[in-house]
N, C-alpha and C. Protein backbone atom coordinates (compact mmCIF):
# COMPACT_ATOMS: atom_id res chain seq x y z
N MET A 1 0.73 -1.36 -0.14
CA MET A 1 -0.29 0.12 0.02
C MET A 1 0.96 1.43 -0.15
N ILE A 2 1.84 0.94 0.66
CA ILE A 2 2.64 2.55 0.65
C ILE A 2 3.72 2.58 -0.43
N LYS A 3 4.11 1.68 -1.17
CA LYS A 3 4.75 1.40 -2.34
C LYS A 3 3.96 2.38 -3.11
N LYS A 4 2.36 2.34 -3.30
CA LYS A 4 0.99 3.07 -4.69
C LYS A 4 1.30 4.23 -3.90
N ILE A 5 1.22 4.36 -2.90
CA ILE A 5 1.00 6.35 -2.20
C ILE A 5 2.45 6.09 -2.86
N ILE A 6 3.62 5.83 -2.68
CA ILE A 6 4.88 6.64 -3.03
C ILE A 6 4.49 6.76 -4.75
N VAL A 7 4.47 6.39 -5.25
CA VAL A 7 4.71 5.99 -7.10
C VAL A 7 3.17 6.60 -7.18
N LEU A 8 2.21 6.65 -6.56
CA LEU A 8 1.12 8.23 -6.88
C LEU A 8 1.94 9.31 -6.73
N PHE A 9 2.33 9.55 -5.47
CA PHE A 9 3.41 10.67 -5.06
C PHE A 9 4.23 11.20 -6.58
N ILE A 10 4.89 9.91 -6.21
CA ILE A 10 6.03 10.97 -7.68
C ILE A 10 5.43 11.28 -9.13
N LEU A 11 4.20 10.53 -9.49
CA LEU A 11 4.12 10.55 -10.57
C LEU A 11 3.28 11.91 -10.99
N VAL A 12 2.71 12.30 -9.73
CA VAL A 12 1.74 13.47 -10.11
C VAL A 12 2.57 14.89 -10.02
N LEU A 13 3.77 14.55 -9.21
CA LEU A 13 5.18 15.67 -8.98
C LEU A 13 5.30 15.49 -10.49
N PHE A 14 5.56 14.52 -11.19
CA PHE A 14 5.97 14.79 -12.78
C PHE A 14 5.10 15.24 -13.20
N LEU A 15 4.25 14.98 -13.30
CA LEU A 15 3.43 15.97 -13.65
C LEU A 15 2.84 17.14 -13.68
N ILE A 16 3.20 17.62 -12.60
CA ILE A 16 2.74 19.26 -12.05
C ILE A 16 4.48 19.70 -12.81
N ASN A 17 5.54 19.17 -12.69
CA ASN A 17 6.09 19.59 -13.16
C ASN A 17 6.85 20.00 -14.96
N PHE A 18 5.83 18.70 -15.15
CA PHE A 18 5.69 19.03 -16.69
C PHE A 18 5.21 19.96 -17.17
N SER A 19 3.50 19.68 -16.58
CA SER A 19 2.14 20.94 -17.09
C SER A 19 3.23 22.20 -16.62
N GLY A 20 4.30 22.45 -15.92
CA GLY A 20 4.94 23.77 -15.50
C GLY A 20 4.95 24.25 -16.63
N ASN A 21 6.12 23.36 -17.32
CA ASN A 21 6.79 23.90 -18.44
C ASN A 21 6.38 23.85 -19.53
N VAL A 22 5.63 23.41 -19.60
CA VAL A 22 4.21 23.43 -21.18
C VAL A 22 3.94 24.92 -20.74
N LEU A 23 3.07 25.29 -19.59
CA LEU A 23 2.77 26.74 -19.64
C LEU A 23 2.93 27.81 -19.94
N ALA A 24 4.62 27.50 -19.05
CA ALA A 24 5.69 28.95 -19.35
C ALA A 24 6.06 28.94 -20.60
N THR A 25 6.21 28.04 -21.37
CA THR A 25 6.53 27.94 -22.85
C THR A 25 5.36 28.63 -23.96
N GLU A 26 3.98 28.15 -23.20
CA GLU A 26 3.08 29.28 -24.14
C GLU A 26 3.09 30.81 -23.55
N ASN A 27 3.23 30.55 -22.36
CA ASN A 27 2.94 32.16 -21.99
C ASN A 27 4.27 33.13 -22.60
N ASN A 28 5.27 32.51 -22.86
CA ASN A 28 6.40 33.02 -23.72
C ASN A 28 6.06 33.55 -25.07
N ASN A 29 4.98 32.54 -25.87
CA ASN A 29 5.58 31.77 -26.75
C ASN A 29 6.84 31.73 -27.47
N SER A 30 7.62 31.09 -27.45
CA SER A 30 8.57 31.14 -27.82
C SER A 30 8.50 29.07 -27.85
N TYR A 31 9.67 28.74 -28.92
CA TYR A 31 9.55 27.44 -29.27
C TYR A 31 10.97 26.96 -29.69
N PHE A 32 11.31 25.55 -29.95
CA PHE A 32 12.54 25.45 -30.70
C PHE A 32 11.70 24.75 -31.73
N THR A 33 12.51 25.54 -33.03
CA THR A 33 12.35 24.22 -33.84
C THR A 33 13.38 24.58 -35.44
N THR A 34 13.28 23.89 -36.10
CA THR A 34 14.67 23.39 -36.89
C THR A 34 13.58 23.68 -38.34
N LEU A 35 14.12 24.71 -39.38
CA LEU A 35 13.63 24.94 -40.35
C LEU A 35 14.49 24.87 -41.75
N GLU A 36 13.74 24.66 -43.01
CA GLU A 36 14.71 24.37 -43.75
C GLU A 36 13.84 25.57 -44.79
N GLY A 37 15.13 26.43 -45.43
CA GLY A 37 14.00 26.90 -46.46
C GLY A 37 15.61 28.03 -47.14
N LYS A 38 14.91 29.07 -47.80
CA LYS A 38 16.54 30.11 -48.62
C LYS A 38 16.63 30.68 -47.78
N LEU A 39 17.91 31.38 -47.69
CA LEU A 39 18.32 32.49 -47.21
C LEU A 39 18.34 33.53 -47.91
N ILE A 40 17.79 34.89 -47.48
CA ILE A 40 17.46 36.65 -47.86
C ILE A 40 18.09 37.24 -46.95
N MET A 41 19.07 38.58 -47.73
CA MET A 41 19.26 39.43 -47.16
C MET A 41 18.79 40.58 -47.19
N SER A 42 18.32 41.69 -46.56
CA SER A 42 17.96 42.83 -46.57
C SER A 42 18.37 43.60 -46.14
N GLY A 43 18.42 45.34 -46.49
CA GLY A 43 18.88 46.20 -45.94
C GLY A 43 20.27 46.18 -46.38
N SER A 44 21.45 47.58 -46.08
CA SER A 44 22.58 47.58 -45.87
C SER A 44 23.49 48.05 -45.07
N ASP A 45 24.64 47.66 -45.25
CA ASP A 45 25.82 48.03 -44.35
C ASP A 45 25.19 48.85 -43.64
N PRO A 46 25.65 49.03 -42.36
CA PRO A 46 25.64 48.38 -41.19
C PRO A 46 24.30 47.35 -40.24
N PHE A 47 23.42 47.36 -41.27
CA PHE A 47 22.10 47.02 -40.61
C PHE A 47 21.23 46.26 -41.71
N VAL A 48 22.20 45.42 -41.86
CA VAL A 48 21.78 43.91 -42.92
C VAL A 48 20.49 43.18 -42.13
N ASN A 49 19.84 42.37 -42.65
CA ASN A 49 18.92 41.55 -41.81
C ASN A 49 18.78 40.25 -42.67
N VAL A 50 18.85 39.26 -41.99
CA VAL A 50 18.79 37.81 -42.29
C VAL A 50 17.70 37.17 -42.58
N PHE A 51 17.33 36.80 -43.08
CA PHE A 51 15.88 36.11 -43.09
C PHE A 51 15.90 34.06 -43.58
N ILE A 52 15.47 33.38 -43.25
CA ILE A 52 14.47 32.42 -44.14
C ILE A 52 13.28 32.54 -44.53
N ARG A 53 13.07 31.70 -45.92
CA ARG A 53 12.13 31.83 -46.42
C ARG A 53 11.78 30.56 -46.53
N THR A 54 10.56 30.03 -45.74
CA THR A 54 10.74 28.23 -45.60
C THR A 54 9.64 27.89 -46.82
N THR A 55 10.27 26.55 -46.88
CA THR A 55 9.34 26.07 -48.20
C THR A 55 8.40 26.51 -48.13
N LYS A 56 7.11 26.39 -47.35
CA LYS A 56 5.99 27.14 -47.06
C LYS A 56 5.72 28.28 -47.27
N GLY A 57 6.74 29.02 -47.34
CA GLY A 57 6.51 30.64 -47.82
C GLY A 57 6.07 31.64 -46.79
N LYS A 58 7.24 31.21 -45.19
CA LYS A 58 6.87 31.85 -44.39
C LYS A 58 8.28 32.51 -44.03
N PHE A 59 7.94 33.60 -43.45
CA PHE A 59 9.44 34.40 -43.46
C PHE A 59 9.88 34.31 -42.11
N TYR A 60 11.34 34.64 -41.55
CA TYR A 60 11.49 34.54 -40.02
C TYR A 60 12.99 35.23 -40.23
N SER A 61 12.89 36.24 -39.62
CA SER A 61 14.02 36.88 -39.30
C SER A 61 15.24 36.07 -38.11
N LEU A 62 16.48 36.12 -38.48
CA LEU A 62 17.69 35.34 -37.89
C LEU A 62 18.43 36.08 -37.30
N SER A 63 18.62 35.68 -35.71
CA SER A 63 19.25 36.33 -34.87
C SER A 63 20.54 35.14 -34.26
N GLY A 64 21.71 35.93 -33.50
CA GLY A 64 22.54 35.19 -33.00
C GLY A 64 24.32 34.77 -33.52
N ASP A 65 24.96 33.82 -32.75
CA ASP A 65 26.08 34.02 -33.35
C ASP A 65 26.26 34.07 -34.98
N TYR A 66 25.50 33.35 -35.30
CA TYR A 66 26.09 32.44 -36.57
C TYR A 66 25.29 33.29 -38.02
N VAL A 67 24.48 34.72 -37.56
CA VAL A 67 24.09 34.84 -38.72
C VAL A 67 25.26 35.90 -39.94
N SER A 68 26.17 35.89 -39.02
CA SER A 68 27.78 36.63 -40.37
C SER A 68 27.93 35.46 -40.82
N GLU A 69 28.20 34.45 -40.75
CA GLU A 69 28.01 33.41 -41.15
C GLU A 69 27.22 32.74 -42.05
N LEU A 70 25.51 32.85 -41.82
CA LEU A 70 25.16 32.93 -43.04
C LEU A 70 25.43 33.67 -43.93
N LYS A 71 25.30 35.20 -43.81
CA LYS A 71 25.51 35.97 -44.59
C LYS A 71 26.22 35.73 -45.79
N LYS A 72 27.28 34.94 -45.63
CA LYS A 72 28.01 34.10 -46.72
C LYS A 72 27.00 33.13 -47.69
N LEU A 73 26.42 32.51 -46.96
CA LEU A 73 25.22 31.24 -47.61
C LEU A 73 24.22 32.41 -48.35
N ALA A 74 23.76 33.79 -48.19
CA ALA A 74 22.62 33.68 -48.85
C ALA A 74 22.48 33.64 -50.36
N GLY A 75 21.15 33.49 -50.77
CA GLY A 75 20.53 32.68 -51.49
C GLY A 75 20.47 31.40 -51.81
N GLY A 76 21.26 30.49 -50.82
CA GLY A 76 21.47 29.54 -50.21
C GLY A 76 19.94 28.61 -49.98
N THR A 77 19.96 27.55 -49.80
CA THR A 77 19.14 26.79 -49.22
C THR A 77 19.81 26.21 -48.02
N VAL A 78 19.26 26.00 -46.55
CA VAL A 78 19.83 25.95 -45.50
C VAL A 78 18.59 24.96 -44.61
N ARG A 79 19.56 24.23 -43.97
CA ARG A 79 18.35 23.93 -42.56
C ARG A 79 18.88 24.42 -41.17
N ILE A 80 18.13 25.50 -40.56
CA ILE A 80 18.45 26.52 -39.32
C ILE A 80 17.59 25.57 -38.14
N THR A 81 18.58 25.49 -36.41
CA THR A 81 17.45 25.12 -35.25
C THR A 81 17.62 26.22 -34.30
N GLY A 82 16.64 26.28 -33.95
CA GLY A 82 17.04 27.67 -33.18
C GLY A 82 15.43 28.01 -32.24
N LEU A 83 15.71 29.01 -31.41
CA LEU A 83 14.47 29.35 -30.76
C LEU A 83 13.48 30.55 -30.99
N VAL A 84 12.84 30.12 -31.94
CA VAL A 84 11.65 31.32 -32.23
C VAL A 84 10.79 32.10 -30.69
N THR A 85 11.29 33.12 -31.24
CA THR A 85 10.45 34.05 -30.32
C THR A 85 9.46 35.30 -31.30
N LYS A 86 8.64 36.01 -30.19
CA LYS A 86 7.91 37.05 -31.28
C LYS A 86 8.97 37.72 -32.47
N ALA A 87 8.21 38.16 -32.87
CA ALA A 87 8.61 38.89 -34.46
C ALA A 87 9.37 40.39 -34.16
N LYS A 88 10.91 40.38 -34.65
CA LYS A 88 11.56 41.90 -33.97
C LYS A 88 10.62 42.75 -35.36
N VAL A 89 10.65 41.97 -36.52
CA VAL A 89 10.82 42.66 -37.70
C VAL A 89 8.89 42.67 -38.30
N PRO A 90 8.33 43.86 -38.70
CA PRO A 90 7.11 43.43 -39.27
C PRO A 90 7.08 42.44 -40.25
N GLY A 91 5.94 41.89 -40.24
CA GLY A 91 6.19 41.01 -41.58
C GLY A 91 6.15 39.59 -41.41
N THR A 92 7.39 39.38 -40.72
CA THR A 92 8.08 38.06 -40.19
C THR A 92 7.22 37.11 -39.29
N ARG A 93 7.36 35.79 -39.18
CA ARG A 93 6.34 35.15 -38.24
C ARG A 93 6.90 34.99 -36.97
N GLY A 94 8.32 35.57 -36.76
CA GLY A 94 8.91 35.74 -35.47
C GLY A 94 10.57 35.74 -36.24
N ASP A 95 11.39 35.39 -34.81
CA ASP A 95 12.61 35.67 -34.68
C ASP A 95 13.29 34.74 -34.61
N ILE A 96 14.45 34.14 -34.99
CA ILE A 96 14.88 32.84 -34.78
C ILE A 96 15.83 32.69 -34.52
N ASP A 97 16.20 33.04 -33.04
CA ASP A 97 18.02 33.32 -32.41
C ASP A 97 18.96 31.36 -32.76
N LEU A 98 19.97 31.33 -33.43
CA LEU A 98 20.31 30.06 -33.66
C LEU A 98 20.61 30.07 -32.40
N VAL A 99 21.24 28.74 -32.95
CA VAL A 99 22.17 27.75 -31.27
C VAL A 99 22.73 27.20 -32.67
N ASN A 100 23.66 26.12 -31.82
CA ASN A 100 24.28 25.40 -32.34
C ASN A 100 23.82 24.23 -33.03
């Protein structure tokens, strides 16, 4: 009987912890994703923005440490992974902070 109560208690703690993380993500409207698409540059130095146009036609602005490297690949098709956050550039679906 005691073992069943302990197992039930651990399951409840696990569910509470898991649901708390989901709610935090929903409130922040940020999530990790991997996208494939064409790299596009817009603007002039030093205010160049780099975007990805996905295969579904959606635009995302890119930020992070790797943007300078991606500028060299402008016009090419790439697959990127990053944290999608609220759009910083009007007309885009969000900003992607690139990860390793």
